[in-house]
């Protein structure tokens, strides 16, 4: 995987500096100033696959709408391929492709008709840039006469990606493209992104799925409108500051509650078939924790030291 350390300014496809966005929300008693984004700064190099990872409501969609000139930031500056998102928004719209999180194509038009509409909007044709969408389009071509609203989730996703690529964008923005899609389609989608990246398209993708972070060159972890950390997935995992234990027993729900009662437990979260635990006292041994859990009447206790995942890092940072 390529390294994107310390690029020079002219290598940036996307540059975002000190961006903030707030919304006014009316309640029965007062107007609330809701923070969507707070002081967001990052740069993305040309040809980079950059992931923005965080849960629903973290600010991912608001950020993408600012980057694609759909809404204005309250503070800060953004440039796409050297163009300012406010002054040069018309130029930027010809250079970016945007796939929003919600399927937004024409439901009553067929696959083929949707593609033709988007091609005409950008004064191009399907044939002119067919090489960009060929791998994807071949998978939906058997359904080209089907209305978009009648497609499966995975097929809708592929059609939306084709429409976002039809004008050969320099930068591609994909907002939660794999949400609600089956695991096979998710894998196929990321394989497609790798092929697009090989054609020097800069890709920014947002996702709530922590396991997709490792598929990006660099990632930004986002929560409550702020970036927690920006780095390569490998570096983020390597910088996890605690020894991490996986703990399980015959009574997992009771185990979670009991672990959180133990004074020496720093954190404890449920991860699939086990609970991930960090300690306050690093000198504590696996055997010492096992003895404590047996006093809580747990049986078949299994404890082992494991490597942290991106999700462990995210939970630790929050």
Protein backbone atom coordinates (compact mmCIF):
# COMPACT_ATOMS: atom_id res chain seq x y z
CA UNK A 1 0.00 0.00 0.00
CA UNK A 2 1.29 3.45 -0.90
CA UNK A 3 2.51 5.87 1.72
CA UNK A 4 1.03 9.36 1.82
CA UNK A 5 3.34 10.98 4.34
CA UNK A 6 4.07 14.73 4.10
CA UNK A 7 2.84 15.50 0.59
CA UNK A 8 3.60 18.91 -0.85
CA UNK A 9 0.75 21.37 -1.26
CA UNK A 10 0.30 20.81 -5.02
CA UNK A 11 -0.30 17.11 -4.43
CA UNK A 12 -3.54 17.72 -2.54
CA UNK A 13 -6.75 16.78 -4.29
CA UNK A 14 -8.74 17.90 -1.25
CA UNK A 15 -7.73 20.44 1.37
CA UNK A 16 -10.05 21.22 4.27
CA UNK A 17 -8.98 23.75 6.90
CA UNK A 18 -10.79 24.60 10.17
CA UNK A 19 -14.26 23.80 8.87
CA UNK A 20 -17.21 24.13 11.25
CA UNK A 21 -20.94 23.82 10.67
CA UNK A 22 -23.83 24.38 13.08
CA UNK A 23 -27.57 24.04 12.67
CA UNK A 24 -30.37 25.82 14.50
CA UNK A 25 -32.87 23.29 15.85
CA UNK A 26 -36.21 24.53 17.13
CA UNK A 27 -37.55 22.97 20.33
CA UNK A 28 -40.87 23.79 22.04
CA UNK A 29 -39.06 26.11 24.46
CA UNK A 30 -35.94 27.44 22.72
CA UNK A 31 -33.72 27.43 19.68
CA UNK A 32 -30.79 25.04 20.01
CA UNK A 33 -27.46 25.52 18.26
CA UNK A 34 -26.53 21.98 17.20
CA UNK A 35 -22.90 21.28 16.33
CA UNK A 36 -22.55 19.19 13.14
CA UNK A 37 -18.83 19.79 12.51
CA UNK A 38 -16.22 21.47 14.70
CA UNK A 39 -12.80 22.63 13.42
CA UNK A 40 -12.28 19.89 10.82
CA UNK A 41 -8.88 19.98 9.07
CA UNK A 42 -7.32 17.41 6.75
CA UNK A 43 -5.71 17.00 3.33
CA UNK A 44 -6.07 14.20 0.81
CA UNK A 45 -3.35 13.49 -1.75
CA UNK A 46 -4.08 12.82 -5.39
CA UNK A 47 -4.71 9.13 -5.98
CA UNK A 48 -5.35 8.43 -2.29
CA UNK A 49 -8.21 6.32 -0.93
CA UNK A 50 -9.19 8.21 2.21
CA UNK A 51 -11.78 6.85 4.64
CA UNK A 52 -13.88 8.79 7.14
CA UNK A 53 -14.97 6.30 9.77
CA UNK A 54 -17.64 6.90 12.39
CA UNK A 55 -21.16 6.07 13.57
CA UNK A 56 -24.43 7.54 12.31
CA UNK A 57 -24.80 11.17 13.30
CA UNK A 58 -21.05 11.77 13.60
CA UNK A 59 -21.03 14.42 10.85
CA UNK A 60 -19.89 12.42 7.81
CA UNK A 61 -22.74 13.42 5.49
CA UNK A 62 -22.56 17.11 6.45
CA UNK A 63 -18.83 17.10 5.69
CA UNK A 64 -19.36 15.45 2.29
CA UNK A 65 -22.10 17.94 1.39
CA UNK A 66 -19.69 20.80 2.12
CA UNK A 67 -16.87 19.17 0.13
CA UNK A 68 -19.16 18.68 -2.87
CA UNK A 69 -20.43 22.33 -2.82
CA UNK A 70 -24.00 21.39 -1.81
CA UNK A 71 -23.97 23.41 1.43
CA UNK A 72 -21.72 26.11 2.84
CA UNK A 73 -19.57 25.81 5.94
CA UNK A 74 -20.04 28.40 8.70
CA UNK A 75 -16.27 28.70 9.12
CA UNK A 76 -13.13 27.48 7.40
CA UNK A 77 -11.96 26.93 3.83
CA UNK A 78 -12.12 24.00 1.41
CA UNK A 79 -10.42 23.49 -1.95
CA UNK A 80 -10.89 20.64 -4.42
CA UNK A 81 -8.12 20.26 -7.00
CA UNK A 82 -6.99 23.78 -6.09
CA UNK A 83 -10.45 25.32 -6.59
CA UNK A 84 -12.30 27.05 -3.76
CA UNK A 85 -15.68 25.43 -2.99
CA UNK A 86 -17.37 28.83 -2.73
CA UNK A 87 -15.79 30.83 -5.55
CA UNK A 88 -15.24 27.98 -7.99
CA UNK A 89 -18.21 25.72 -7.25
CA UNK A 90 -19.19 25.36 -10.92
CA UNK A 91 -15.74 24.09 -11.88
CA UNK A 92 -15.67 21.72 -8.93
CA UNK A 93 -19.00 20.14 -9.86
CA UNK A 94 -17.50 19.09 -13.19
CA UNK A 95 -14.49 17.52 -11.47
CA UNK A 96 -16.13 15.51 -8.69
CA UNK A 97 -18.43 12.53 -8.55
CA UNK A 98 -20.79 12.21 -5.58
CA UNK A 99 -22.70 9.14 -4.45
CA UNK A 100 -24.95 10.15 -1.53
CA UNK A 101 -25.87 7.74 1.22
CA UNK A 102 -29.52 7.65 0.22
CA UNK A 103 -30.30 6.27 -3.24
CA UNK A 104 -31.14 9.41 -5.21
CA UNK A 105 -31.42 8.34 -8.83
CA UNK A 106 -34.64 8.46 -10.84
CA UNK A 107 -36.66 5.51 -9.55
CA UNK A 108 -39.04 5.43 -12.54
CA UNK A 109 -36.28 5.49 -15.16
CA UNK A 110 -34.47 2.36 -16.26
CA UNK A 111 -30.82 1.65 -15.56
CA UNK A 112 -29.91 2.71 -19.10
CA UNK A 113 -32.03 5.87 -18.95
CA UNK A 114 -30.47 6.98 -15.67
CA UNK A 115 -26.98 6.62 -17.12
CA UNK A 116 -27.92 8.58 -20.23
CA UNK A 117 -29.42 11.39 -18.16
CA UNK A 118 -26.24 11.79 -16.10
CA UNK A 119 -24.03 11.60 -19.19
CA UNK A 120 -26.04 14.36 -20.91
CA UNK A 121 -25.94 16.59 -17.82
CA UNK A 122 -22.13 16.53 -18.04
CA UNK A 123 -22.12 16.79 -21.85
CA UNK A 124 -20.56 13.38 -22.38
CA UNK A 125 -21.76 9.92 -23.36
CA UNK A 126 -21.71 6.42 -21.94
CA UNK A 127 -19.42 5.34 -24.80
CA UNK A 128 -16.84 8.08 -24.16
CA UNK A 129 -16.05 6.99 -20.59
CA UNK A 130 -17.20 3.38 -20.80
CA UNK A 131 -13.73 2.15 -19.78
CA UNK A 132 -14.29 3.68 -16.32
CA UNK A 133 -17.54 1.88 -15.65
CA UNK A 134 -17.07 -1.26 -17.74
CA UNK A 135 -16.37 -3.66 -14.84
CA UNK A 136 -19.34 -2.33 -12.87
CA UNK A 137 -21.75 -1.90 -15.77
CA UNK A 138 -21.28 -5.49 -16.95
CA UNK A 139 -22.81 -6.63 -13.65
CA UNK A 140 -25.95 -4.52 -14.10
CA UNK A 141 -26.22 -4.69 -17.90
CA UNK A 142 -28.62 -7.69 -17.80
CA UNK A 143 -31.04 -5.36 -15.93
CA UNK A 144 -30.53 -2.27 -18.11
CA UNK A 145 -34.23 -2.15 -19.03
CA UNK A 146 -35.37 -2.51 -15.41
CA UNK A 147 -36.55 0.55 -13.50
CA UNK A 148 -34.02 1.72 -10.92
CA UNK A 149 -36.59 1.51 -8.13
CA UNK A 150 -36.98 -2.22 -8.74
CA UNK A 151 -33.27 -3.06 -8.35
CA UNK A 152 -31.79 -4.83 -5.33
CA UNK A 153 -29.70 -2.86 -2.85
CA UNK A 154 -26.42 -4.05 -4.35
CA UNK A 155 -27.53 -3.28 -7.91
CA UNK A 156 -28.73 0.20 -6.91
CA UNK A 157 -25.32 0.82 -5.40
CA UNK A 158 -23.55 -0.20 -8.62
CA UNK A 159 -25.83 1.95 -10.77
CA UNK A 160 -25.25 4.95 -8.51
CA UNK A 161 -21.50 4.44 -8.77
CA UNK A 162 -21.73 4.24 -12.58
CA UNK A 163 -23.65 7.53 -12.65
CA UNK A 164 -21.07 9.18 -10.36
CA UNK A 165 -18.25 8.07 -12.68
CA UNK A 166 -19.80 8.71 -16.09
CA UNK A 167 -18.14 12.14 -16.51
CA UNK A 168 -14.66 10.89 -15.45
CA UNK A 169 -14.31 12.82 -12.16
CA UNK A 170 -10.93 13.57 -10.64
CA UNK A 171 -12.28 13.13 -7.10
CA UNK A 172 -14.98 10.65 -6.09
CA UNK A 173 -17.03 11.11 -2.89
CA UNK A 174 -18.91 8.05 -1.61
CA UNK A 175 -21.12 8.59 1.43
CA UNK A 176 -21.73 5.28 3.26
CA UNK A 177 -21.91 3.32 -0.01
CA UNK A 178 -22.09 -0.12 1.63
CA UNK A 179 -24.67 0.57 4.35
CA UNK A 180 -27.47 -1.98 4.18
CA UNK A 181 -25.70 -4.04 1.52
CA UNK A 182 -25.00 -7.75 1.88
CA UNK A 183 -21.41 -8.90 2.68
CA UNK A 184 -20.75 -10.23 -0.84
CA UNK A 185 -21.77 -6.93 -2.45
CA UNK A 186 -19.67 -5.04 0.10
CA UNK A 187 -16.58 -7.01 -0.91
CA UNK A 188 -17.32 -6.54 -4.61
CA UNK A 189 -17.73 -2.81 -4.06
CA UNK A 190 -14.33 -2.43 -2.37
CA UNK A 191 -12.72 -4.46 -5.14
CA UNK A 192 -14.19 -1.96 -7.60
CA UNK A 193 -12.75 0.95 -5.60
CA UNK A 194 -9.27 -0.58 -5.79
CA UNK A 195 -9.56 -0.74 -9.58
CA UNK A 196 -10.77 2.87 -9.74
CA UNK A 197 -7.90 4.00 -7.53
CA UNK A 198 -5.49 2.36 -9.99
CA UNK A 199 -6.83 4.81 -12.60
CA UNK A 200 -5.62 7.77 -10.48
CA UNK A 201 -9.05 8.75 -9.19
CA UNK A 202 -8.89 10.22 -5.69
CA UNK A 203 -11.53 8.55 -3.53
CA UNK A 204 -13.08 9.72 -0.26
CA UNK A 205 -15.42 7.21 1.31
CA UNK A 206 -17.36 7.40 4.56
CA UNK A 207 -18.54 4.34 6.43
CA UNK A 208 -19.80 3.26 9.86
CA UNK A 209 -18.16 -0.16 9.38
CA UNK A 210 -14.87 -0.23 11.28
CA UNK A 211 -13.68 -3.35 9.42
CA UNK A 212 -13.60 -1.36 6.17
CA UNK A 213 -10.98 1.01 7.60
CA UNK A 214 -8.13 -1.37 6.75
CA UNK A 215 -9.07 -1.11 3.06
CA UNK A 216 -8.14 2.60 2.98
CA UNK A 217 -4.72 4.25 2.61
CA UNK A 218 -5.48 6.61 5.48
CA UNK A 219 -8.50 7.16 7.69
CA UNK A 220 -10.01 9.81 9.91
CA UNK A 221 -12.00 8.64 12.93
CA UNK A 222 -14.93 11.00 13.52
CA UNK A 223 -17.33 11.36 16.46
CA UNK A 224 -19.72 14.19 17.39
CA UNK A 225 -18.51 16.37 14.52
CA UNK A 226 -14.81 16.21 15.41
CA UNK A 227 -11.90 14.17 14.11
CA UNK A 228 -10.36 11.99 16.82
CA UNK A 229 -7.35 10.82 14.84
CA UNK A 230 -5.99 10.79 11.26
CA UNK A 231 -3.40 8.23 10.20
CA UNK A 232 -2.94 4.96 8.34
CA UNK A 233 -5.00 2.10 9.78
CA UNK A 234 -1.80 0.26 10.67
CA UNK A 235 -0.35 3.21 12.59
CA UNK A 236 -3.58 3.78 14.51
CA UNK A 237 -3.67 0.14 15.62
CA UNK A 238 0.05 0.15 16.49
CA UNK A 239 -0.44 3.21 18.70
CA UNK A 240 -3.10 1.57 20.86
CA UNK A 241 -1.73 2.43 24.32
CA UNK A 242 -2.98 -0.51 26.42
CA UNK A 243 -2.65 -4.26 26.64
CA UNK A 244 -5.92 -5.71 25.40
CA UNK A 245 -7.54 -8.87 26.73
CA UNK A 246 -10.36 -10.96 25.29
CA UNK A 247 -12.57 -12.39 28.07
CA UNK A 248 -15.42 -14.89 27.81
CA UNK A 249 -17.40 -17.21 30.06
CA UNK A 250 -20.62 -19.25 30.07
CA UNK A 251 -22.66 -16.19 31.12
CA UNK A 252 -21.65 -13.34 28.82
CA UNK A 253 -24.26 -10.78 29.87
CA UNK A 254 -23.47 -11.27 33.58
CA UNK A 255 -19.76 -11.26 32.73
CA UNK A 256 -20.00 -7.79 31.15
CA UNK A 257 -21.69 -6.37 34.26
CA UNK A 258 -19.26 -8.09 36.63
CA UNK A 259 -16.17 -6.96 34.71
CA UNK A 260 -17.33 -3.36 34.95
CA UNK A 261 -17.60 -3.72 38.75
CA UNK A 262 -13.93 -4.68 39.15
CA UNK A 263 -11.89 -1.63 40.26
CA UNK A 264 -8.84 -2.56 38.17
CA UNK A 265 -10.83 -2.73 34.91
CA UNK A 266 -10.21 0.45 32.92
CA UNK A 267 -12.65 -0.32 30.09
CA UNK A 268 -14.83 -3.21 29.00
CA UNK A 269 -16.85 -3.49 25.78
CA UNK A 270 -18.71 -6.34 24.15
CA UNK A 271 -17.15 -7.54 20.88
CA UNK A 272 -18.99 -10.46 19.30
CA UNK A 273 -18.31 -13.65 21.23
CA UNK A 274 -16.05 -12.03 23.84
CA UNK A 275 -15.56 -8.84 25.85
CA UNK A 276 -12.50 -6.65 25.24
CA UNK A 277 -10.89 -5.41 28.43
CA UNK A 278 -8.11 -2.97 29.34
CA UNK A 279 -6.64 -2.62 32.83
CA UNK A 280 -5.64 0.23 35.12
CA UNK A 281 -2.86 -1.82 36.73
CA UNK A 282 -0.63 -3.22 33.96
CA UNK A 283 1.02 -5.64 36.41
CA UNK A 284 -2.17 -7.63 36.84
CA UNK A 285 -1.98 -11.10 35.30
CA UNK A 286 -4.52 -13.17 33.39
CA UNK A 287 -4.63 -15.62 36.31
CA UNK A 288 -5.45 -12.85 38.80
CA UNK A 289 -8.46 -11.74 36.75
CA UNK A 290 -9.58 -15.35 36.36
CA UNK A 291 -9.54 -15.80 40.16
CA UNK A 292 -11.68 -12.68 40.62
CA UNK A 293 -14.21 -13.87 38.01
CA UNK A 294 -14.45 -17.29 39.64
CA UNK A 295 -15.42 -15.53 42.85
CA UNK A 296 -18.30 -14.03 40.84
CA UNK A 297 -19.24 -17.68 40.08
CA UNK A 298 -18.25 -17.61 36.41
CA UNK A 299 -17.37 -20.93 34.76
CA UNK A 300 -15.45 -21.80 31.59
CA UNK A 301 -13.59 -18.50 31.85
CA UNK A 302 -11.21 -17.86 28.93
CA UNK A 303 -8.83 -14.91 28.89
CA UNK A 304 -6.18 -14.17 26.27
CA UNK A 305 -4.09 -11.22 25.13
CA UNK A 306 -5.13 -9.97 21.69
CA UNK A 307 -4.16 -7.26 19.19
CA UNK A 308 -6.35 -4.17 19.00
CA UNK A 309 -8.62 -3.49 16.03
CA UNK A 310 -9.69 -0.12 14.60
CA UNK A 311 -12.91 -0.47 16.57
CA UNK A 312 -10.94 -0.96 19.80
CA UNK A 313 -8.96 2.19 18.97
CA UNK A 314 -12.15 4.13 18.26
CA UNK A 315 -13.73 3.05 21.54
CA UNK A 316 -10.58 4.00 23.43
CA UNK A 317 -10.46 7.46 21.82
CA UNK A 318 -14.11 8.14 22.64
